[in-house]
mmCIF file of all heavy atoms, coordinates in Angstrom:
data_MODEL
# 
_entry.id   MODEL 
# 
loop_
_atom_site.group_PDB 
_atom_site.id 
_atom_site.type_symbol 
_atom_site.label_atom_id 
_atom_site.label_alt_id 
_atom_site.label_comp_id 
_atom_site.label_asym_id 
_atom_site.label_entity_id 
_atom_site.label_seq_id 
_atom_site.pdbx_PDB_ins_code 
_atom_site.Cartn_x 
_atom_site.Cartn_y 
_atom_site.Cartn_z 
_atom_site.occupancy 
_atom_site.B_iso_or_equiv 
_atom_site.pdbx_formal_charge 
_atom_site.auth_seq_id 
_atom_site.auth_comp_id 
_atom_site.auth_asym_id 
_atom_site.auth_atom_id 
_atom_site.pdbx_PDB_model_num 
ATOM 1   N N   . LEU A 1 1  ? 29.780 93.545 43.843 1.00 0.00 ? 1  LEU A N   1 
ATOM 2   C CA  . LEU A 1 1  ? 30.337 94.117 42.630 1.00 0.00 ? 1  LEU A CA  1 
ATOM 3   C C   . LEU A 1 1  ? 31.149 92.994 42.001 1.00 0.00 ? 1  LEU A C   1 
ATOM 4   O O   . LEU A 1 1  ? 32.214 92.628 42.494 1.00 0.00 ? 1  LEU A O   1 
ATOM 5   C CB  . LEU A 1 1  ? 31.221 95.318 42.932 1.00 0.00 ? 1  LEU A CB  1 
ATOM 6   C CG  . LEU A 1 1  ? 30.520 96.536 43.513 1.00 0.00 ? 1  LEU A CG  1 
ATOM 7   C CD1 . LEU A 1 1  ? 31.520 97.666 43.728 1.00 0.00 ? 1  LEU A CD1 1 
ATOM 8   C CD2 . LEU A 1 1  ? 29.397 97.000 42.612 1.00 0.00 ? 1  LEU A CD2 1 
ATOM 9   N N   . ALA A 1 2  ? 30.612 92.416 40.946 1.00 0.00 ? 2  ALA A N   1 
ATOM 10  C CA  . ALA A 1 2  ? 31.241 91.266 40.305 1.00 0.00 ? 2  ALA A CA  1 
ATOM 11  C C   . ALA A 1 2  ? 32.200 91.718 39.217 1.00 0.00 ? 2  ALA A C   1 
ATOM 12  O O   . ALA A 1 2  ? 31.923 92.664 38.483 1.00 0.00 ? 2  ALA A O   1 
ATOM 13  C CB  . ALA A 1 2  ? 30.173 90.359 39.707 1.00 0.00 ? 2  ALA A CB  1 
ATOM 14  N N   . TYR A 1 3  ? 33.331 91.010 39.127 1.00 0.00 ? 3  TYR A N   1 
ATOM 15  C CA  . TYR A 1 3  ? 34.290 91.252 38.054 1.00 0.00 ? 3  TYR A CA  1 
ATOM 16  C C   . TYR A 1 3  ? 34.543 89.994 37.246 1.00 0.00 ? 3  TYR A C   1 
ATOM 17  O O   . TYR A 1 3  ? 35.255 90.014 36.245 1.00 0.00 ? 3  TYR A O   1 
ATOM 18  C CB  . TYR A 1 3  ? 35.610 91.817 38.590 1.00 0.00 ? 3  TYR A CB  1 
ATOM 19  C CG  . TYR A 1 3  ? 36.182 91.052 39.764 1.00 0.00 ? 3  TYR A CG  1 
ATOM 20  C CD1 . TYR A 1 3  ? 36.849 89.850 39.582 1.00 0.00 ? 3  TYR A CD1 1 
ATOM 21  C CD2 . TYR A 1 3  ? 36.050 91.540 41.050 1.00 0.00 ? 3  TYR A CD2 1 
ATOM 22  C CE1 . TYR A 1 3  ? 37.366 89.148 40.653 1.00 0.00 ? 3  TYR A CE1 1 
ATOM 23  C CE2 . TYR A 1 3  ? 36.561 90.852 42.130 1.00 0.00 ? 3  TYR A CE2 1 
ATOM 24  C CZ  . TYR A 1 3  ? 37.223 89.656 41.925 1.00 0.00 ? 3  TYR A CZ  1 
ATOM 25  O OH  . TYR A 1 3  ? 37.726 88.960 42.997 1.00 0.00 ? 3  TYR A OH  1 
ATOM 26  N N   . ALA A 1 4  ? 33.935 88.861 37.670 1.00 0.00 ? 4  ALA A N   1 
ATOM 27  C CA  . ALA A 1 4  ? 34.101 87.598 36.959 1.00 0.00 ? 4  ALA A CA  1 
ATOM 28  C C   . ALA A 1 4  ? 32.794 86.818 37.003 1.00 0.00 ? 4  ALA A C   1 
ATOM 29  O O   . ALA A 1 4  ? 31.970 87.000 37.907 1.00 0.00 ? 4  ALA A O   1 
ATOM 30  C CB  . ALA A 1 4  ? 35.222 86.777 37.595 1.00 0.00 ? 4  ALA A CB  1 
ATOM 31  N N   . VAL A 1 5  ? 32.613 85.949 36.013 1.00 0.00 ? 5  VAL A N   1 
ATOM 32  C CA  . VAL A 1 5  ? 31.445 85.081 35.958 1.00 0.00 ? 5  VAL A CA  1 
ATOM 33  C C   . VAL A 1 5  ? 31.880 83.726 35.415 1.00 0.00 ? 5  VAL A C   1 
ATOM 34  O O   . VAL A 1 5  ? 32.657 83.662 34.460 1.00 0.00 ? 5  VAL A O   1 
ATOM 35  C CB  . VAL A 1 5  ? 30.304 85.700 35.118 1.00 0.00 ? 5  VAL A CB  1 
ATOM 36  C CG1 . VAL A 1 5  ? 30.706 85.905 33.671 1.00 0.00 ? 5  VAL A CG1 1 
ATOM 37  C CG2 . VAL A 1 5  ? 29.040 84.867 35.211 1.00 0.00 ? 5  VAL A CG2 1 
ATOM 38  N N   . ASP A 1 6  ? 31.406 82.683 36.063 1.00 0.00 ? 6  ASP A N   1 
ATOM 39  C CA  . ASP A 1 6  ? 31.693 81.308 35.637 1.00 0.00 ? 6  ASP A CA  1 
ATOM 40  C C   . ASP A 1 6  ? 33.183 81.061 35.404 1.00 0.00 ? 6  ASP A C   1 
ATOM 41  O O   . ASP A 1 6  ? 33.579 80.391 34.456 1.00 0.00 ? 6  ASP A O   1 
ATOM 42  C CB  . ASP A 1 6  ? 30.886 80.957 34.387 1.00 0.00 ? 6  ASP A CB  1 
ATOM 43  C CG  . ASP A 1 6  ? 29.390 81.025 34.635 1.00 0.00 ? 6  ASP A CG  1 
ATOM 44  O OD1 . ASP A 1 6  ? 28.959 80.792 35.790 1.00 0.00 ? 6  ASP A OD1 1 
ATOM 45  O OD2 . ASP A 1 6  ? 28.644 81.328 33.688 1.00 0.00 ? 6  ASP A OD2 1 
ATOM 46  N N   . GLY A 1 7  ? 34.020 81.627 36.253 1.00 0.00 ? 7  GLY A N   1 
ATOM 47  C CA  . GLY A 1 7  ? 35.458 81.376 36.215 1.00 0.00 ? 7  GLY A CA  1 
ATOM 48  C C   . GLY A 1 7  ? 36.268 82.258 35.284 1.00 0.00 ? 7  GLY A C   1 
ATOM 49  O O   . GLY A 1 7  ? 37.484 82.132 35.208 1.00 0.00 ? 7  GLY A O   1 
ATOM 50  N N   . GLY A 1 8  ? 35.638 83.180 34.568 1.00 0.00 ? 8  GLY A N   1 
ATOM 51  C CA  . GLY A 1 8  ? 36.365 84.084 33.678 1.00 0.00 ? 8  GLY A CA  1 
ATOM 52  C C   . GLY A 1 8  ? 35.914 85.516 33.892 1.00 0.00 ? 8  GLY A C   1 
ATOM 53  O O   . GLY A 1 8  ? 34.876 85.763 34.502 1.00 0.00 ? 8  GLY A O   1 
ATOM 54  N N   . LEU A 1 9  ? 36.689 86.452 33.398 1.00 0.00 ? 9  LEU A N   1 
ATOM 55  C CA  . LEU A 1 9  ? 36.320 87.854 33.529 1.00 0.00 ? 9  LEU A CA  1 
ATOM 56  C C   . LEU A 1 9  ? 35.004 88.124 32.814 1.00 0.00 ? 9  LEU A C   1 
ATOM 57  O O   . LEU A 1 9  ? 34.643 87.414 31.873 1.00 0.00 ? 9  LEU A O   1 
ATOM 58  C CB  . LEU A 1 9  ? 37.417 88.754 32.952 1.00 0.00 ? 9  LEU A CB  1 
ATOM 59  C CG  . LEU A 1 9  ? 38.754 88.732 33.683 1.00 0.00 ? 9  LEU A CG  1 
ATOM 60  C CD1 . LEU A 1 9  ? 39.757 89.622 32.954 1.00 0.00 ? 9  LEU A CD1 1 
ATOM 61  C CD2 . LEU A 1 9  ? 38.594 89.165 35.124 1.00 0.00 ? 9  LEU A CD2 1 
ATOM 62  N N   . LEU A 1 10 ? 34.284 89.133 33.257 1.00 0.00 ? 10 LEU A N   1 
ATOM 63  C CA  . LEU A 1 10 ? 33.031 89.516 32.602 1.00 0.00 ? 10 LEU A CA  1 
ATOM 64  C C   . LEU A 1 10 ? 33.298 89.914 31.159 1.00 0.00 ? 10 LEU A C   1 
ATOM 65  O O   . LEU A 1 10 ? 34.327 90.530 30.852 1.00 0.00 ? 10 LEU A O   1 
ATOM 66  C CB  . LEU A 1 10 ? 32.388 90.696 33.330 1.00 0.00 ? 10 LEU A CB  1 
ATOM 67  C CG  . LEU A 1 10 ? 31.839 90.430 34.723 1.00 0.00 ? 10 LEU A CG  1 
ATOM 68  C CD1 . LEU A 1 10 ? 31.451 91.743 35.391 1.00 0.00 ? 10 LEU A CD1 1 
ATOM 69  C CD2 . LEU A 1 10 ? 30.646 89.496 34.667 1.00 0.00 ? 10 LEU A CD2 1 
ATOM 70  N N   . ARG A 1 11 ? 32.366 89.582 30.277 1.00 0.00 ? 11 ARG A N   1 
ATOM 71  C CA  . ARG A 1 11 ? 32.456 90.018 28.881 1.00 0.00 ? 11 ARG A CA  1 
ATOM 72  C C   . ARG A 1 11 ? 32.313 91.536 28.825 1.00 0.00 ? 11 ARG A C   1 
ATOM 73  O O   . ARG A 1 11 ? 31.775 92.163 29.738 1.00 0.00 ? 11 ARG A O   1 
ATOM 74  C CB  . ARG A 1 11 ? 31.344 89.368 28.052 1.00 0.00 ? 11 ARG A CB  1 
ATOM 75  C CG  . ARG A 1 11 ? 31.398 87.871 27.971 1.00 0.00 ? 11 ARG A CG  1 
ATOM 76  C CD  . ARG A 1 11 ? 30.291 87.332 27.054 1.00 0.00 ? 11 ARG A CD  1 
ATOM 77  N NE  . ARG A 1 11 ? 29.043 88.079 27.155 1.00 0.00 ? 11 ARG A NE  1 
ATOM 78  C CZ  . ARG A 1 11 ? 27.939 87.644 27.780 1.00 0.00 ? 11 ARG A CZ  1 
ATOM 79  N NH1 . ARG A 1 11 ? 27.931 86.464 28.360 1.00 0.00 ? 11 ARG A NH1 1 
ATOM 80  N NH2 . ARG A 1 11 ? 26.844 88.385 27.799 1.00 0.00 ? 11 ARG A NH2 1 
ATOM 81  N N   . ALA A 1 12 ? 32.733 92.115 27.725 1.00 0.00 ? 12 ALA A N   1 
ATOM 82  C CA  . ALA A 1 12 ? 32.676 93.574 27.552 1.00 0.00 ? 12 ALA A CA  1 
ATOM 83  C C   . ALA A 1 12 ? 31.256 94.106 27.683 1.00 0.00 ? 12 ALA A C   1 
ATOM 84  O O   . ALA A 1 12 ? 31.057 95.221 28.169 1.00 0.00 ? 12 ALA A O   1 
ATOM 85  C CB  . ALA A 1 12 ? 33.266 93.975 26.207 1.00 0.00 ? 12 ALA A CB  1 
ATOM 86  N N   . ASP A 1 13 ? 30.244 93.313 27.296 1.00 0.00 ? 13 ASP A N   1 
ATOM 87  C CA  . ASP A 1 13 ? 28.870 93.805 27.383 1.00 0.00 ? 13 ASP A CA  1 
ATOM 88  C C   . ASP A 1 13 ? 28.284 93.690 28.787 1.00 0.00 ? 13 ASP A C   1 
ATOM 89  O O   . ASP A 1 13 ? 27.155 94.092 29.020 1.00 0.00 ? 13 ASP A O   1 
ATOM 90  C CB  . ASP A 1 13 ? 27.965 93.086 26.375 1.00 0.00 ? 13 ASP A CB  1 
ATOM 91  C CG  . ASP A 1 13 ? 27.825 91.598 26.643 1.00 0.00 ? 13 ASP A CG  1 
ATOM 92  O OD1 . ASP A 1 13 ? 28.707 91.008 27.297 1.00 0.00 ? 13 ASP A OD1 1 
ATOM 93  O OD2 . ASP A 1 13 ? 26.825 91.009 26.180 1.00 0.00 ? 13 ASP A OD2 1 
ATOM 94  N N   . GLU A 1 14 ? 29.074 93.148 29.733 1.00 0.00 ? 14 GLU A N   1 
ATOM 95  C CA  . GLU A 1 14 ? 28.629 93.046 31.125 1.00 0.00 ? 14 GLU A CA  1 
ATOM 96  C C   . GLU A 1 14 ? 29.510 93.838 32.085 1.00 0.00 ? 14 GLU A C   1 
ATOM 97  O O   . GLU A 1 14 ? 29.046 94.260 33.129 1.00 0.00 ? 14 GLU A O   1 
ATOM 98  C CB  . GLU A 1 14 ? 28.663 91.585 31.591 1.00 0.00 ? 14 GLU A CB  1 
ATOM 99  C CG  . GLU A 1 14 ? 27.554 90.728 31.115 1.00 0.00 ? 14 GLU A CG  1 
ATOM 100 C CD  . GLU A 1 14 ? 27.535 89.420 31.876 1.00 0.00 ? 14 GLU A CD  1 
ATOM 101 O OE1 . GLU A 1 14 ? 28.276 88.512 31.487 1.00 0.00 ? 14 GLU A OE1 1 
ATOM 102 O OE2 . GLU A 1 14 ? 26.787 89.336 32.863 1.00 0.00 ? 14 GLU A OE2 1 
ATOM 103 N N   . GLY A 1 15 ? 30.777 93.988 31.784 1.00 0.00 ? 15 GLY A N   1 
ATOM 104 C CA  . GLY A 1 15 ? 31.723 94.535 32.742 1.00 0.00 ? 15 GLY A CA  1 
ATOM 105 C C   . GLY A 1 15 ? 32.425 95.777 32.251 1.00 0.00 ? 15 GLY A C   1 
ATOM 106 O O   . GLY A 1 15 ? 31.989 96.384 31.293 1.00 0.00 ? 15 GLY A O   1 
ATOM 107 N N   . PRO A 1 16 ? 33.477 96.174 32.908 1.00 0.00 ? 16 PRO A N   1 
ATOM 108 C CA  . PRO A 1 16 ? 34.310 95.332 33.771 1.00 0.00 ? 16 PRO A CA  1 
ATOM 109 C C   . PRO A 1 16 ? 33.723 95.042 35.152 1.00 0.00 ? 16 PRO A C   1 
ATOM 110 O O   . PRO A 1 16 ? 34.146 94.119 35.816 1.00 0.00 ? 16 PRO A O   1 
ATOM 111 C CB  . PRO A 1 16 ? 35.613 96.112 33.902 1.00 0.00 ? 16 PRO A CB  1 
ATOM 112 C CG  . PRO A 1 16 ? 35.218 97.544 33.723 1.00 0.00 ? 16 PRO A CG  1 
ATOM 113 C CD  . PRO A 1 16 ? 34.040 97.523 32.775 1.00 0.00 ? 16 PRO A CD  1 
ATOM 114 N N   . LEU A 1 17 ? 32.740 95.830 35.595 1.00 0.00 ? 17 LEU A N   1 
ATOM 115 C CA  . LEU A 1 17 ? 32.066 95.548 36.867 1.00 0.00 ? 17 LEU A CA  1 
ATOM 116 C C   . LEU A 1 17 ? 30.572 95.443 36.637 1.00 0.00 ? 17 LEU A C   1 
ATOM 117 O O   . LEU A 1 17 ? 30.008 96.168 35.820 1.00 0.00 ? 17 LEU A O   1 
ATOM 118 C CB  . LEU A 1 17 ? 32.325 96.653 37.900 1.00 0.00 ? 17 LEU A CB  1 
ATOM 119 C CG  . LEU A 1 17 ? 33.710 96.740 38.499 1.00 0.00 ? 17 LEU A CG  1 
ATOM 120 C CD1 . LEU A 1 17 ? 33.792 97.945 39.437 1.00 0.00 ? 17 LEU A CD1 1 
ATOM 121 C CD2 . LEU A 1 17 ? 34.072 95.478 39.245 1.00 0.00 ? 17 LEU A CD2 1 
ATOM 122 N N   . ARG A 1 18 ? 29.959 94.555 37.407 1.00 0.00 ? 18 ARG A N   1 
ATOM 123 C CA  . ARG A 1 18 ? 28.503 94.401 37.346 1.00 0.00 ? 18 ARG A CA  1 
ATOM 124 C C   . ARG A 1 18 ? 27.981 94.310 38.767 1.00 0.00 ? 18 ARG A C   1 
ATOM 125 O O   . ARG A 1 18 ? 28.503 93.539 39.585 1.00 0.00 ? 18 ARG A O   1 
ATOM 126 C CB  . ARG A 1 18 ? 28.144 93.134 36.585 1.00 0.00 ? 18 ARG A CB  1 
ATOM 127 C CG  . ARG A 1 18 ? 26.646 92.881 36.525 1.00 0.00 ? 18 ARG A CG  1 
ATOM 128 C CD  . ARG A 1 18 ? 26.327 91.647 35.717 1.00 0.00 ? 18 ARG A CD  1 
ATOM 129 N NE  . ARG A 1 18 ? 24.881 91.456 35.669 1.00 0.00 ? 18 ARG A NE  1 
ATOM 130 C CZ  . ARG A 1 18 ? 24.267 90.659 34.829 1.00 0.00 ? 18 ARG A CZ  1 
ATOM 131 N NH1 . ARG A 1 18 ? 24.961 89.951 33.955 1.00 0.00 ? 18 ARG A NH1 1 
ATOM 132 N NH2 . ARG A 1 18 ? 22.965 90.541 34.859 1.00 0.00 ? 18 ARG A NH2 1 
ATOM 133 N N   . LEU A 1 19 ? 26.982 95.109 39.072 1.00 0.00 ? 19 LEU A N   1 
ATOM 134 C CA  . LEU A 1 19 ? 26.301 94.992 40.353 1.00 0.00 ? 19 LEU A CA  1 
ATOM 135 C C   . LEU A 1 19 ? 25.343 93.817 40.245 1.00 0.00 ? 19 LEU A C   1 
ATOM 136 O O   . LEU A 1 19 ? 24.541 93.758 39.320 1.00 0.00 ? 19 LEU A O   1 
ATOM 137 C CB  . LEU A 1 19 ? 25.522 96.263 40.671 1.00 0.00 ? 19 LEU A CB  1 
ATOM 138 C CG  . LEU A 1 19 ? 24.602 96.175 41.886 1.00 0.00 ? 19 LEU A CG  1 
ATOM 139 C CD1 . LEU A 1 19 ? 25.412 96.049 43.168 1.00 0.00 ? 19 LEU A CD1 1 
ATOM 140 C CD2 . LEU A 1 19 ? 23.682 97.371 41.945 1.00 0.00 ? 19 LEU A CD2 1 
ATOM 141 N N   . VAL A 1 20 ? 25.457 92.875 41.166 1.00 0.00 ? 20 VAL A N   1 
ATOM 142 C CA  . VAL A 1 20 ? 24.576 91.715 41.194 1.00 0.00 ? 20 VAL A CA  1 
ATOM 143 C C   . VAL A 1 20 ? 23.993 91.597 42.596 1.00 0.00 ? 20 VAL A C   1 
ATOM 144 O O   . VAL A 1 20 ? 24.732 91.631 43.583 1.00 0.00 ? 20 VAL A O   1 
ATOM 145 C CB  . VAL A 1 20 ? 25.331 90.410 40.837 1.00 0.00 ? 20 VAL A CB  1 
ATOM 146 C CG1 . VAL A 1 20 ? 24.402 89.212 40.873 1.00 0.00 ? 20 VAL A CG1 1 
ATOM 147 C CG2 . VAL A 1 20 ? 26.001 90.530 39.479 1.00 0.00 ? 20 VAL A CG2 1 
ATOM 148 N N   . VAL A 1 21 ? 22.679 91.481 42.676 1.00 0.00 ? 21 VAL A N   1 
ATOM 149 C CA  . VAL A 1 21 ? 21.996 91.262 43.946 1.00 0.00 ? 21 VAL A CA  1 
ATOM 150 C C   . VAL A 1 21 ? 21.163 89.996 43.765 1.00 0.00 ? 21 VAL A C   1 
ATOM 151 O O   . VAL A 1 21 ? 20.173 89.995 43.050 1.00 0.00 ? 21 VAL A O   1 
ATOM 152 C CB  . VAL A 1 21 ? 21.099 92.444 44.356 1.00 0.00 ? 21 VAL A CB  1 
ATOM 153 C CG1 . VAL A 1 21 ? 20.476 92.189 45.718 1.00 0.00 ? 21 VAL A CG1 1 
ATOM 154 C CG2 . VAL A 1 21 ? 21.886 93.748 44.359 1.00 0.00 ? 21 VAL A CG2 1 
ATOM 155 N N   . ALA A 1 22 ? 21.618 88.909 44.387 1.00 0.00 ? 22 ALA A N   1 
ATOM 156 C CA  . ALA A 1 22 ? 20.941 87.625 44.227 1.00 0.00 ? 22 ALA A CA  1 
ATOM 157 C C   . ALA A 1 22 ? 19.505 87.713 44.742 1.00 0.00 ? 22 ALA A C   1 
ATOM 158 O O   . ALA A 1 22 ? 19.206 88.461 45.670 1.00 0.00 ? 22 ALA A O   1 
ATOM 159 C CB  . ALA A 1 22 ? 21.701 86.540 44.969 1.00 0.00 ? 22 ALA A CB  1 
ATOM 160 N N   . ASP A 1 23 ? 18.638 86.943 44.124 1.00 0.00 ? 23 ASP A N   1 
ATOM 161 C CA  . ASP A 1 23 ? 17.224 86.874 44.525 1.00 0.00 ? 23 ASP A CA  1 
ATOM 162 C C   . ASP A 1 23 ? 16.538 88.233 44.492 1.00 0.00 ? 23 ASP A C   1 
ATOM 163 O O   . ASP A 1 23 ? 15.583 88.462 45.226 1.00 0.00 ? 23 ASP A O   1 
ATOM 164 C CB  . ASP A 1 23 ? 17.080 86.240 45.914 1.00 0.00 ? 23 ASP A CB  1 
ATOM 165 C CG  . ASP A 1 23 ? 17.588 84.810 45.933 1.00 0.00 ? 23 ASP A CG  1 
ATOM 166 O OD1 . ASP A 1 23 ? 17.400 84.098 44.930 1.00 0.00 ? 23 ASP A OD1 1 
ATOM 167 O OD2 . ASP A 1 23 ? 18.178 84.418 46.943 1.00 0.00 ? 23 ASP A OD2 1 
ATOM 168 N N   . ALA A 1 24 ? 17.044 89.148 43.677 1.00 0.00 ? 24 ALA A N   1 
ATOM 169 C CA  . ALA A 1 24 ? 16.410 90.461 43.526 1.00 0.00 ? 24 ALA A CA  1 
ATOM 170 C C   . ALA A 1 24 ? 16.420 90.841 42.045 1.00 0.00 ? 24 ALA A C   1 
ATOM 171 O O   . ALA A 1 24 ? 17.187 91.701 41.626 1.00 0.00 ? 24 ALA A O   1 
ATOM 172 C CB  . ALA A 1 24 ? 17.141 91.502 44.365 1.00 0.00 ? 24 ALA A CB  1 
ATOM 173 N N   . PRO A 1 25 ? 15.590 90.175 41.251 1.00 0.00 ? 25 PRO A N   1 
ATOM 174 C CA  . PRO A 1 25 ? 15.556 90.476 39.821 1.00 0.00 ? 25 PRO A CA  1 
ATOM 175 C C   . PRO A 1 25 ? 15.349 91.979 39.581 1.00 0.00 ? 25 PRO A C   1 
ATOM 176 O O   . PRO A 1 25 ? 14.594 92.636 40.271 1.00 0.00 ? 25 PRO A O   1 
ATOM 177 C CB  . PRO A 1 25 ? 14.351 89.675 39.313 1.00 0.00 ? 25 PRO A CB  1 
ATOM 178 C CG  . PRO A 1 25 ? 14.179 88.580 40.314 1.00 0.00 ? 25 PRO A CG  1 
ATOM 179 C CD  . PRO A 1 25 ? 14.600 89.170 41.632 1.00 0.00 ? 25 PRO A CD  1 
ATOM 180 N N   . GLY A 1 26 ? 16.062 92.483 38.610 1.00 0.00 ? 26 GLY A N   1 
ATOM 181 C CA  . GLY A 1 26 ? 15.933 93.896 38.267 1.00 0.00 ? 26 GLY A CA  1 
ATOM 182 C C   . GLY A 1 26 ? 16.944 94.788 38.952 1.00 0.00 ? 26 GLY A C   1 
ATOM 183 O O   . GLY A 1 26 ? 17.079 95.943 38.586 1.00 0.00 ? 26 GLY A O   1 
ATOM 184 N N   . LEU A 1 27 ? 17.664 94.272 39.950 1.00 0.00 ? 27 LEU A N   1 
ATOM 185 C CA  . LEU A 1 27 ? 18.647 95.122 40.632 1.00 0.00 ? 27 LEU A CA  1 
ATOM 186 C C   . LEU A 1 27 ? 20.050 94.972 40.044 1.00 0.00 ? 27 LEU A C   1 
ATOM 187 O O   . LEU A 1 27 ? 20.955 95.674 40.435 1.00 0.00 ? 27 LEU A O   1 
ATOM 188 C CB  . LEU A 1 27 ? 18.705 94.826 42.124 1.00 0.00 ? 27 LEU A CB  1 
ATOM 189 C CG  . LEU A 1 27 ? 17.537 95.370 42.952 1.00 0.00 ? 27 LEU A CG  1 
ATOM 190 C CD1 . LEU A 1 27 ? 17.781 95.125 44.430 1.00 0.00 ? 27 LEU A CD1 1 
ATOM 191 C CD2 . LEU A 1 27 ? 17.329 96.861 42.712 1.00 0.00 ? 27 LEU A CD2 1 
ATOM 192 N N   . SER A 1 28 ? 20.233 94.066 39.116 1.00 0.00 ? 28 SER A N   1 
ATOM 193 C CA  . SER A 1 28 ? 21.533 93.889 38.493 1.00 0.00 ? 28 SER A CA  1 
ATOM 194 C C   . SER A 1 28 ? 21.786 95.028 37.511 1.00 0.00 ? 28 SER A C   1 
ATOM 195 O O   . SER A 1 28 ? 20.917 95.374 36.719 1.00 0.00 ? 28 SER A O   1 
ATOM 196 C CB  . SER A 1 28 ? 21.593 92.540 37.764 1.00 0.00 ? 28 SER A CB  1 
ATOM 197 O OG  . SER A 1 28 ? 22.839 92.369 37.155 1.00 0.00 ? 28 SER A OG  1 
ATOM 198 N N   . VAL A 1 29 ? 22.980 95.616 37.587 1.00 0.00 ? 29 VAL A N   1 
ATOM 199 C CA  . VAL A 1 29 ? 23.353 96.705 36.678 1.00 0.00 ? 29 VAL A CA  1 
ATOM 200 C C   . VAL A 1 29 ? 24.645 96.314 35.989 1.00 0.00 ? 29 VAL A C   1 
ATOM 201 O O   . VAL A 1 29 ? 25.679 96.164 36.631 1.00 0.00 ? 29 VAL A O   1 
ATOM 202 C CB  . VAL A 1 29 ? 23.530 98.051 37.425 1.00 0.00 ? 29 VAL A CB  1 
ATOM 203 C CG1 . VAL A 1 29 ? 23.956 99.148 36.457 1.00 0.00 ? 29 VAL A CG1 1 
ATOM 204 C CG2 . VAL A 1 29 ? 22.232 98.434 38.138 1.00 0.00 ? 29 VAL A CG2 1 
# 
C-alpha cells in the first residue's frame, strides 16, 4: 500500500493510497 512515489506523496489522481504489486501488471489500484 503505497503513499509516496519518487520521494513525494502520491498525486491526488493516484492516492492518498495506491495498491502496487510489482511484476503484476493490472493489479495496481
